[in-house]
Amino acid sequence: MSRDAGKAQGQIPAELKTNYLQAVISAGFKHIDAVSFVSPNAVPQMADSEEVLKELDVPGDVEIIGIVVNEKGAQRRLRPRRCVRSFSVLHLADVFAE
């Protein structure tokens, strides 16, 4: 599930997200943009990223990718220890960082 598609769907239960991502892994995908560590107030659909990662069975050759937009997101990313790569977003104007 791309993070943008997840935002468009409204609130999807963590179990359904986990099942979907497990199917993507089973289908053979090796690099999966799975979660975003953003403010739960700004993007409530991604508030359960840690829970989703905790429930995933990730083989060693699969890379789970998460989006990090600030320091709090970076701290959240470290908790599940399943997200092996993260991308930071560079804000070109202060208004986007709010």
C-alpha atoms as a PDB file:
ATOM      1  CA  MET A   1       0.000   0.000   0.000  1.00  0.00           C
ATOM      2  CA  SER A   2       1.537   3.251  -0.927  1.00  0.00           C
ATOM      3  CA  ARG A   3       1.323   5.879   1.780  1.00  0.00           C
ATOM      4  CA  ASP A   4      -0.627   8.171  -0.564  1.00  0.00           C
ATOM      5  CA  ALA A   5      -3.188   5.492  -1.403  1.00  0.00           C
ATOM      6  CA  GLY A   6      -3.649   4.812   2.310  1.00  0.00           C
ATOM      7  CA  LYS A   7      -4.415   8.466   2.948  1.00  0.00           C
ATOM      8  CA  ALA A   8      -7.097   8.504   0.261  1.00  0.00           C
ATOM      9  CA  GLN A   9      -8.999   5.536   1.706  1.00  0.00           C
ATOM     10  CA  GLY A  10      -9.938   6.924   5.086  1.00  0.00           C
ATOM     11  CA  GLN A  11      -9.301   4.878   8.205  1.00  0.00           C
ATOM     12  CA  ILE A  12      -8.167   1.328   7.372  1.00  0.00           C
ATOM     13  CA  PRO A  13      -7.766  -1.081  10.296  1.00  0.00           C
ATOM     14  CA  ALA A  14      -4.163  -1.982  11.171  1.00  0.00           C
ATOM     15  CA  GLU A  15      -4.922  -5.686  10.744  1.00  0.00           C
ATOM     16  CA  LEU A  16      -6.071  -5.129   7.158  1.00  0.00           C
ATOM     17  CA  LYS A  17      -2.941  -3.069   6.401  1.00  0.00           C
ATOM     18  CA  THR A  18      -0.766  -5.814   7.888  1.00  0.00           C
ATOM     19  CA  ASN A  19      -2.522  -8.529   5.881  1.00  0.00           C
ATOM     20  CA  TYR A  20      -2.167  -6.492   2.689  1.00  0.00           C
ATOM     21  CA  LEU A  21       1.535  -5.856   3.254  1.00  0.00           C
ATOM     22  CA  GLN A  22       2.097  -9.528   4.112  1.00  0.00           C
ATOM     23  CA  ALA A  23       0.496 -10.442   0.769  1.00  0.00           C
ATOM     24  CA  VAL A  24       2.784  -7.954  -1.009  1.00  0.00           C
ATOM     25  CA  ILE A  25       5.789  -9.576   0.681  1.00  0.00           C
ATOM     26  CA  SER A  26       4.514 -13.056  -0.237  1.00  0.00           C
ATOM     27  CA  ALA A  27       4.130 -11.936  -3.852  1.00  0.00           C
ATOM     28  CA  GLY A  28       7.884 -11.346  -3.944  1.00  0.00           C
ATOM     29  CA  PHE A  29       8.266  -7.598  -3.604  1.00  0.00           C
ATOM     30  CA  LYS A  30      11.587  -6.697  -1.984  1.00  0.00           C
ATOM     31  CA  HIS A  31      11.326  -2.908  -1.453  1.00  0.00           C
ATOM     32  CA  ILE A  32       8.022  -1.781   0.030  1.00  0.00           C
ATOM     33  CA  ASP A  33       7.032   1.798   0.872  1.00  0.00           C
ATOM     34  CA  ALA A  34       4.814   0.694   3.727  1.00  0.00           C
ATOM     35  CA  VAL A  35       4.383   3.365   6.392  1.00  0.00           C
ATOM     36  CA  SER A  36       4.741   7.028   7.281  1.00  0.00           C
ATOM     37  CA  PHE A  37       5.840   8.342  10.641  1.00  0.00           C
ATOM     38  CA  VAL A  38       3.857  11.562  10.542  1.00  0.00           C
ATOM     39  CA  SER A  39       1.728  13.378  13.098  1.00  0.00           C
ATOM     40  CA  PRO A  40      -1.343  11.297  13.984  1.00  0.00           C
ATOM     41  CA  ASN A  41      -3.268  14.577  14.164  1.00  0.00           C
ATOM     42  CA  ALA A  42      -2.288  15.541  10.617  1.00  0.00           C
ATOM     43  CA  VAL A  43      -2.630  12.069   9.059  1.00  0.00           C
ATOM     44  CA  PRO A  44      -4.680   9.798  11.341  1.00  0.00           C
ATOM     45  CA  GLN A  45      -4.615   7.022   8.735  1.00  0.00           C
ATOM     46  CA  MET A  46      -0.907   6.484   9.455  1.00  0.00           C
ATOM     47  CA  ALA A  47      -1.111   6.706  13.260  1.00  0.00           C
ATOM     48  CA  ASP A  48      -0.799   2.925  13.548  1.00  0.00           C
ATOM     49  CA  SER A  49       2.459   2.532  11.609  1.00  0.00           C
ATOM     50  CA  GLU A  50       4.274   1.008  14.598  1.00  0.00           C
ATOM     51  CA  GLU A  51       1.468  -1.498  15.168  1.00  0.00           C
ATOM     52  CA  VAL A  52       1.459  -2.527  11.503  1.00  0.00           C
ATOM     53  CA  LEU A  53       5.228  -3.035  11.482  1.00  0.00           C
ATOM     54  CA  LYS A  54       5.171  -4.959  14.748  1.00  0.00           C
ATOM     55  CA  GLU A  55       2.759  -7.512  13.268  1.00  0.00           C
ATOM     56  CA  LEU A  56       4.595  -8.019   9.959  1.00  0.00           C
ATOM     57  CA  ASP A  57       6.710 -11.093   9.320  1.00  0.00           C
ATOM     58  CA  VAL A  58       9.526  -9.562   7.261  1.00  0.00           C
ATOM     59  CA  PRO A  59      12.129 -11.851   5.668  1.00  0.00           C
ATOM     60  CA  GLY A  60      15.730 -10.654   5.774  1.00  0.00           C
ATOM     61  CA  ASP A  61      15.818  -9.859   2.051  1.00  0.00           C
ATOM     62  CA  VAL A  62      12.820  -7.495   2.190  1.00  0.00           C
ATOM     63  CA  GLU A  63      13.277  -3.783   2.773  1.00  0.00           C
ATOM     64  CA  ILE A  64      10.433  -1.969   4.525  1.00  0.00           C
ATOM     65  CA  ILE A  65      10.510   1.762   3.854  1.00  0.00           C
ATOM     66  CA  GLY A  66       8.972   4.496   5.998  1.00  0.00           C
ATOM     67  CA  ILE A  67       8.601   8.221   5.480  1.00  0.00           C
ATOM     68  CA  VAL A  68       9.972  10.491   8.226  1.00  0.00           C
ATOM     69  CA  VAL A  69       9.140  14.195   8.231  1.00  0.00           C
ATOM     70  CA  ASN A  70      10.574  15.420  11.540  1.00  0.00           C
ATOM     71  CA  GLU A  71      12.438  14.424  14.713  1.00  0.00           C
ATOM     72  CA  LYS A  72       9.352  12.933  16.375  1.00  0.00           C
ATOM     73  CA  GLY A  73       8.808  10.799  13.284  1.00  0.00           C
ATOM     74  CA  ALA A  74      12.413   9.640  13.447  1.00  0.00           C
ATOM     75  CA  GLN A  75      11.896   8.575  17.069  1.00  0.00           C
ATOM     76  CA  ARG A  76       8.704   6.695  16.135  1.00  0.00           C
ATOM     77  CA  ARG A  77      10.555   4.970  13.304  1.00  0.00           C
ATOM     78  CA  LEU A  78      13.066   3.459  15.726  1.00  0.00           C
ATOM     79  CA  ARG A  79      10.493   1.796  17.987  1.00  0.00           C
ATOM     80  CA  PRO A  80       9.361  -1.172  15.882  1.00  0.00           C
ATOM     81  CA  ARG A  81      12.874  -2.006  14.582  1.00  0.00           C
ATOM     82  CA  ARG A  82      11.302  -3.374  11.401  1.00  0.00           C
ATOM     83  CA  CYS A  83      11.605  -0.336   9.160  1.00  0.00           C
ATOM     84  CA  VAL A  84      15.026  -0.729   7.593  1.00  0.00           C
ATOM     85  CA  ARG A  85      15.076   2.423   5.507  1.00  0.00           C
ATOM     86  CA  SER A  86      13.499   5.778   5.977  1.00  0.00           C
ATOM     87  CA  PHE A  87      13.256   8.829   3.808  1.00  0.00           C
ATOM     88  CA  SER A  88      13.171  12.331   5.167  1.00  0.00           C
ATOM     89  CA  VAL A  89      11.163  15.054   3.541  1.00  0.00           C
ATOM     90  CA  LEU A  90      12.844  18.391   2.892  1.00  0.00           C
ATOM     91  CA  HIS A  91      10.488  21.328   3.372  1.00  0.00           C
ATOM     92  CA  LEU A  92      11.089  24.189   0.964  1.00  0.00           C
ATOM     93  CA  ALA A  93       8.936  26.588   2.972  1.00  0.00           C
ATOM     94  CA  ASP A  94       8.124  26.747   6.687  1.00  0.00           C
ATOM     95  CA  VAL A  95       4.399  26.426   5.995  1.00  0.00           C
ATOM     96  CA  PHE A  96       4.890  22.805   4.835  1.00  0.00           C
ATOM     97  CA  ALA A  97       6.630  21.868   8.090  1.00  0.00           C
ATOM     98  CA  GLU A  98       3.671  22.892  10.259  1.00  0.00           C
END
